[in-house]
Amino acid sequence: MSRGPRVLVCDDEPHIVRALKIVLREAGFEALAAETAAEALHVATLQRPDAAILDLVLPDGDGVEVCRSLREWSEMPILVLSAVGDEDHKVRALEAGADDYVTKPFSPRELVARLRAALRRATPAPDEPVIAADGLELDLAARTVRRDGEPIHLTPIEFDLLRVLARNRGRLLTHRALLQEVWGQAYAEDIPTLRTSIARLRRKIEREGDGGPRYIRTDPGVGYRFDA
């Protein structure tokens, strides 16, 4: 019998960890529990989970730093689960490499739905083509990106954002269309999340010294287009 996806769960509140373990087990996942930043990194290194759910406030550190450390070697989907819901904290987590941000108190069904969506985004789809444009190459099946032959490491959200834009080359995609396609209906109005992810994606794929975005163009107040 094959096991379900393994999910690292890091929260300093034992009752939250217990609740998440029950919710995940009932949804077909295997939870790997941790209550500190150090323990989370240790578990992630040894057991290589398929995804992670991290609290922001931990007794020995910051969940954003845990997220940043995981991103140094892993592209697993990362969901931040926090009682802090203001935009600045959300942007910090997204800039550190988080794929989603869920505010406490949370709906177990919504959390599981977002986790499944994040895992789907990280799973290769068969028989998808390679898109090449101006030195940038996207292998959609392998979910890899190269620029001038050099690999570029993207998070699942960043890859999906680039994939949607590249598949609609030259077409203006509105903020709402991109948010619904990449994050889902619940994010349809979350323009700050989109802007943060576009900025992070540009830093990775654009060439220095080009004098402006080469691949992703902004239509102010409307959306973005892949214009290579």
Protein backbone atom coordinates (compact mmCIF):
# COMPACT_ATOMS: atom_id res chain seq x y z
CA MET A 1 0.00 0.00 0.00
CA SER A 2 1.57 3.32 -1.04
CA ARG A 3 1.93 6.03 1.57
CA GLY A 4 0.37 9.45 1.21
CA PRO A 5 2.46 12.59 0.73
CA ARG A 6 4.53 13.49 3.78
CA VAL A 7 3.99 16.97 5.19
CA LEU A 8 6.30 18.71 7.65
CA VAL A 9 4.16 20.46 10.29
CA CYS A 10 5.96 23.02 12.47
CA ASP A 11 4.10 24.91 15.18
CA ASP A 12 5.06 25.71 18.78
CA GLU A 13 1.54 25.03 20.06
CA PRO A 14 1.14 21.28 20.75
CA HIS A 15 -2.65 21.37 20.35
CA ILE A 16 -2.26 22.90 16.85
CA VAL A 17 0.24 20.19 15.91
CA ARG A 18 -2.13 17.49 17.20
CA ALA A 19 -5.06 18.99 15.29
CA LEU A 20 -3.03 19.25 12.08
CA LYS A 21 -1.87 15.65 12.39
CA ILE A 22 -5.50 14.50 12.65
CA VAL A 23 -6.66 16.72 9.76
CA LEU A 24 -3.82 15.59 7.52
CA ARG A 25 -4.18 11.90 8.40
CA GLU A 26 -7.90 11.98 7.59
CA ALA A 27 -7.07 13.63 4.24
CA GLY A 28 -4.56 10.90 3.35
CA PHE A 29 -1.32 12.67 4.31
CA GLU A 30 1.44 11.65 6.70
CA ALA A 31 2.40 14.43 9.14
CA LEU A 32 6.00 14.92 10.30
CA ALA A 33 5.77 17.04 13.45
CA ALA A 34 8.19 19.67 14.75
CA GLU A 35 7.80 22.40 17.39
CA THR A 36 10.96 24.49 16.83
CA ALA A 37 12.83 25.96 13.85
CA ALA A 38 15.84 23.73 14.51
CA GLU A 39 13.67 20.61 14.75
CA ALA A 40 11.84 21.53 11.53
CA LEU A 41 15.09 21.84 9.57
CA HIS A 42 16.39 18.59 11.09
CA VAL A 43 13.21 16.68 10.16
CA ALA A 44 13.17 18.18 6.66
CA THR A 45 16.82 17.21 6.05
CA LEU A 46 16.46 13.63 7.28
CA GLN A 47 12.96 12.72 6.07
CA ARG A 48 12.59 14.88 2.92
CA PRO A 49 8.86 15.75 3.13
CA ASP A 50 6.75 16.46 0.06
CA ALA A 51 5.45 19.75 1.50
CA ALA A 52 5.65 21.88 4.63
CA ILE A 53 3.24 23.85 6.84
CA LEU A 54 5.14 26.38 8.98
CA ASP A 55 4.11 28.72 11.77
CA LEU A 56 5.71 32.18 11.66
CA VAL A 57 6.46 32.57 15.37
CA LEU A 58 8.64 29.80 16.79
CA PRO A 59 10.43 29.60 20.17
CA ASP A 60 13.94 29.55 18.67
CA GLY A 61 13.49 31.59 15.51
CA ASP A 62 11.33 32.93 12.72
CA GLY A 63 9.27 30.75 10.38
CA VAL A 64 10.32 33.04 7.53
CA GLU A 65 13.96 32.07 8.16
CA VAL A 66 12.98 28.39 8.17
CA CYS A 67 11.25 28.95 4.85
CA ARG A 68 14.34 30.71 3.46
CA SER A 69 16.62 27.88 4.68
CA LEU A 70 14.41 25.23 3.06
CA ARG A 71 14.42 27.16 -0.20
CA GLU A 72 18.22 26.91 -0.35
CA TRP A 73 17.95 23.22 -1.25
CA SER A 74 14.28 22.30 -1.75
CA GLU A 75 11.42 23.27 -4.06
CA MET A 76 8.74 21.57 -1.94
CA PRO A 77 5.49 23.54 -1.57
CA ILE A 78 5.55 25.61 1.63
CA LEU A 79 2.41 26.93 3.35
CA VAL A 80 2.76 29.47 6.14
CA LEU A 81 0.12 29.13 8.87
CA SER A 82 0.04 32.12 11.19
CA ALA A 83 -2.12 34.19 13.53
CA VAL A 84 -0.42 37.26 12.03
CA GLY A 85 -2.48 38.35 9.03
CA ASP A 86 -1.15 41.76 8.04
CA GLU A 87 0.22 42.39 4.55
CA ASP A 88 3.84 43.05 5.62
CA HIS A 89 4.19 39.63 7.25
CA LYS A 90 2.51 37.98 4.30
CA VAL A 91 4.88 39.67 1.84
CA ARG A 92 7.92 38.68 3.94
CA ALA A 93 6.86 35.04 3.87
CA LEU A 94 6.19 35.08 0.12
CA GLU A 95 9.51 36.77 -0.59
CA ALA A 96 11.27 34.09 1.46
CA GLY A 97 9.81 31.44 -0.84
CA ALA A 98 6.45 30.49 0.69
CA ASP A 99 3.81 29.35 -1.78
CA ASP A 100 0.75 30.19 0.30
CA TYR A 101 -0.27 31.94 3.52
CA VAL A 102 -3.13 30.76 5.72
CA THR A 103 -4.31 32.81 8.70
CA LYS A 104 -5.35 31.29 12.04
CA PRO A 105 -7.99 30.37 12.96
CA PHE A 106 -8.17 28.25 9.85
CA SER A 107 -10.68 26.01 8.15
CA PRO A 108 -9.31 22.43 7.95
CA ARG A 109 -11.06 21.89 4.60
CA GLU A 110 -9.56 25.06 3.16
CA LEU A 111 -6.09 24.19 4.45
CA VAL A 112 -6.24 20.72 2.89
CA ALA A 113 -7.56 22.18 -0.38
CA ARG A 114 -4.70 24.68 -0.54
CA LEU A 115 -2.18 21.96 0.30
CA ARG A 116 -3.52 19.73 -2.48
CA ALA A 117 -3.43 22.64 -4.93
CA ALA A 118 0.19 23.41 -4.01
CA LEU A 119 1.17 19.78 -4.49
CA ARG A 120 -0.60 19.64 -7.87
CA ARG A 121 1.35 22.68 -9.00
CA ALA A 122 4.58 20.93 -8.01
CA THR A 123 3.72 17.69 -9.85
CA PRO A 124 4.86 17.35 -13.48
CA ALA A 125 2.14 16.87 -16.07
CA PRO A 126 2.88 14.33 -18.81
CA ASP A 127 3.57 15.20 -22.45
CA GLU A 128 3.79 18.95 -22.00
CA PRO A 129 6.06 20.80 -24.41
CA VAL A 130 9.19 22.84 -24.03
CA ILE A 131 8.73 26.60 -24.50
CA ALA A 132 11.76 28.55 -25.70
CA ALA A 133 11.95 32.35 -25.98
CA ASP A 134 14.97 34.63 -26.22
CA GLY A 135 17.35 32.35 -24.35
CA LEU A 136 14.77 31.24 -21.77
CA GLU A 137 13.68 27.59 -21.89
CA LEU A 138 10.78 26.09 -19.93
CA ASP A 139 10.42 22.32 -19.85
CA LEU A 140 6.80 22.03 -18.72
CA ALA A 141 6.88 18.29 -18.07
CA ALA A 142 10.09 18.34 -16.05
CA ARG A 143 9.19 21.71 -14.48
CA THR A 144 12.66 23.08 -15.13
CA VAL A 145 13.81 26.47 -16.39
CA ARG A 146 17.08 27.45 -18.05
CA ARG A 147 18.36 30.79 -19.25
CA ASP A 148 21.22 30.67 -21.75
CA GLY A 149 21.70 27.03 -20.75
CA GLU A 150 22.04 27.74 -17.03
CA PRO A 151 19.42 26.28 -14.66
CA ILE A 152 17.18 28.66 -12.71
CA HIS A 153 15.55 27.34 -9.56
CA LEU A 154 11.93 28.43 -9.16
CA THR A 155 9.39 27.63 -6.47
CA PRO A 156 6.21 25.84 -7.63
CA ILE A 157 4.26 29.12 -7.57
CA GLU A 158 6.96 30.94 -9.54
CA PHE A 159 7.09 28.17 -12.13
CA ASP A 160 3.30 28.11 -12.58
CA LEU A 161 3.22 31.88 -12.93
CA LEU A 162 5.89 31.78 -15.63
CA ARG A 163 4.19 28.81 -17.33
CA VAL A 164 0.83 30.61 -17.57
CA LEU A 165 2.45 33.77 -18.90
CA ALA A 166 4.67 31.93 -21.41
CA ARG A 167 1.78 29.82 -22.73
CA ASN A 168 -0.07 33.05 -23.45
CA ARG A 169 2.90 34.78 -25.07
CA GLY A 170 2.08 38.33 -26.16
CA ARG A 171 -1.35 38.28 -24.52
CA LEU A 172 -2.17 40.64 -21.68
CA LEU A 173 -3.33 38.67 -18.65
CA THR A 174 -5.18 40.65 -16.01
CA HIS A 175 -4.30 40.50 -12.34
CA ARG A 176 -7.51 38.61 -11.65
CA ALA A 177 -6.93 36.06 -14.44
CA LEU A 178 -3.41 35.28 -13.21
CA LEU A 179 -4.47 35.02 -9.58
CA GLN A 180 -7.33 32.65 -10.41
CA GLU A 181 -5.21 30.50 -12.71
CA VAL A 182 -2.19 30.16 -10.43
CA TRP A 183 -3.54 30.51 -6.87
CA GLY A 184 -7.24 29.77 -7.27
CA GLN A 185 -10.56 31.60 -6.88
CA ALA A 186 -9.92 32.48 -3.23
CA TYR A 187 -7.03 34.73 -4.32
CA ALA A 188 -8.83 36.53 -7.16
CA GLU A 189 -8.43 39.97 -5.53
CA ASP A 190 -5.04 39.45 -3.84
CA ILE A 191 -2.96 41.76 -6.05
CA PRO A 192 -0.15 42.27 -3.45
CA THR A 193 0.57 38.52 -3.54
CA LEU A 194 0.78 38.61 -7.33
CA ARG A 195 3.06 41.67 -7.38
CA THR A 196 5.39 40.11 -4.82
CA SER A 197 5.64 36.87 -6.79
CA ILE A 198 6.19 38.68 -10.12
CA ALA A 199 9.01 40.74 -8.55
CA ARG A 200 10.62 37.59 -7.15
CA LEU A 201 10.28 35.79 -10.49
CA ARG A 202 11.79 38.71 -12.39
CA ARG A 203 14.82 38.78 -10.09
CA LYS A 204 15.49 35.17 -11.03
CA ILE A 205 14.88 35.16 -14.79
CA GLU A 206 15.75 38.65 -16.02
CA ARG A 207 19.29 39.50 -17.14
CA GLU A 208 21.16 42.26 -15.34
CA GLY A 209 21.93 45.31 -17.44
CA ASP A 210 18.96 44.95 -19.80
CA GLY A 211 17.56 48.29 -18.67
CA GLY A 212 14.18 46.87 -17.76
CA PRO A 213 12.10 43.68 -17.85
CA ARG A 214 12.86 41.59 -20.92
CA TYR A 215 10.45 38.71 -20.47
CA ILE A 216 7.56 39.92 -18.31
CA ARG A 217 6.06 43.32 -19.14
CA THR A 218 3.74 45.29 -16.87
CA ASP A 219 0.56 46.96 -18.06
CA PRO A 220 0.07 49.36 -15.11
CA GLY A 221 -3.13 48.81 -13.24
CA VAL A 222 -4.19 45.95 -15.53
CA GLY A 223 -1.82 42.97 -15.52
CA TYR A 224 1.21 41.36 -17.14
CA ARG A 225 2.28 39.81 -20.43
CA PHE A 226 5.12 37.53 -21.53
CA ASP A 227 6.65 39.60 -24.30
CA ALA A 228 9.89 37.82 -25.27
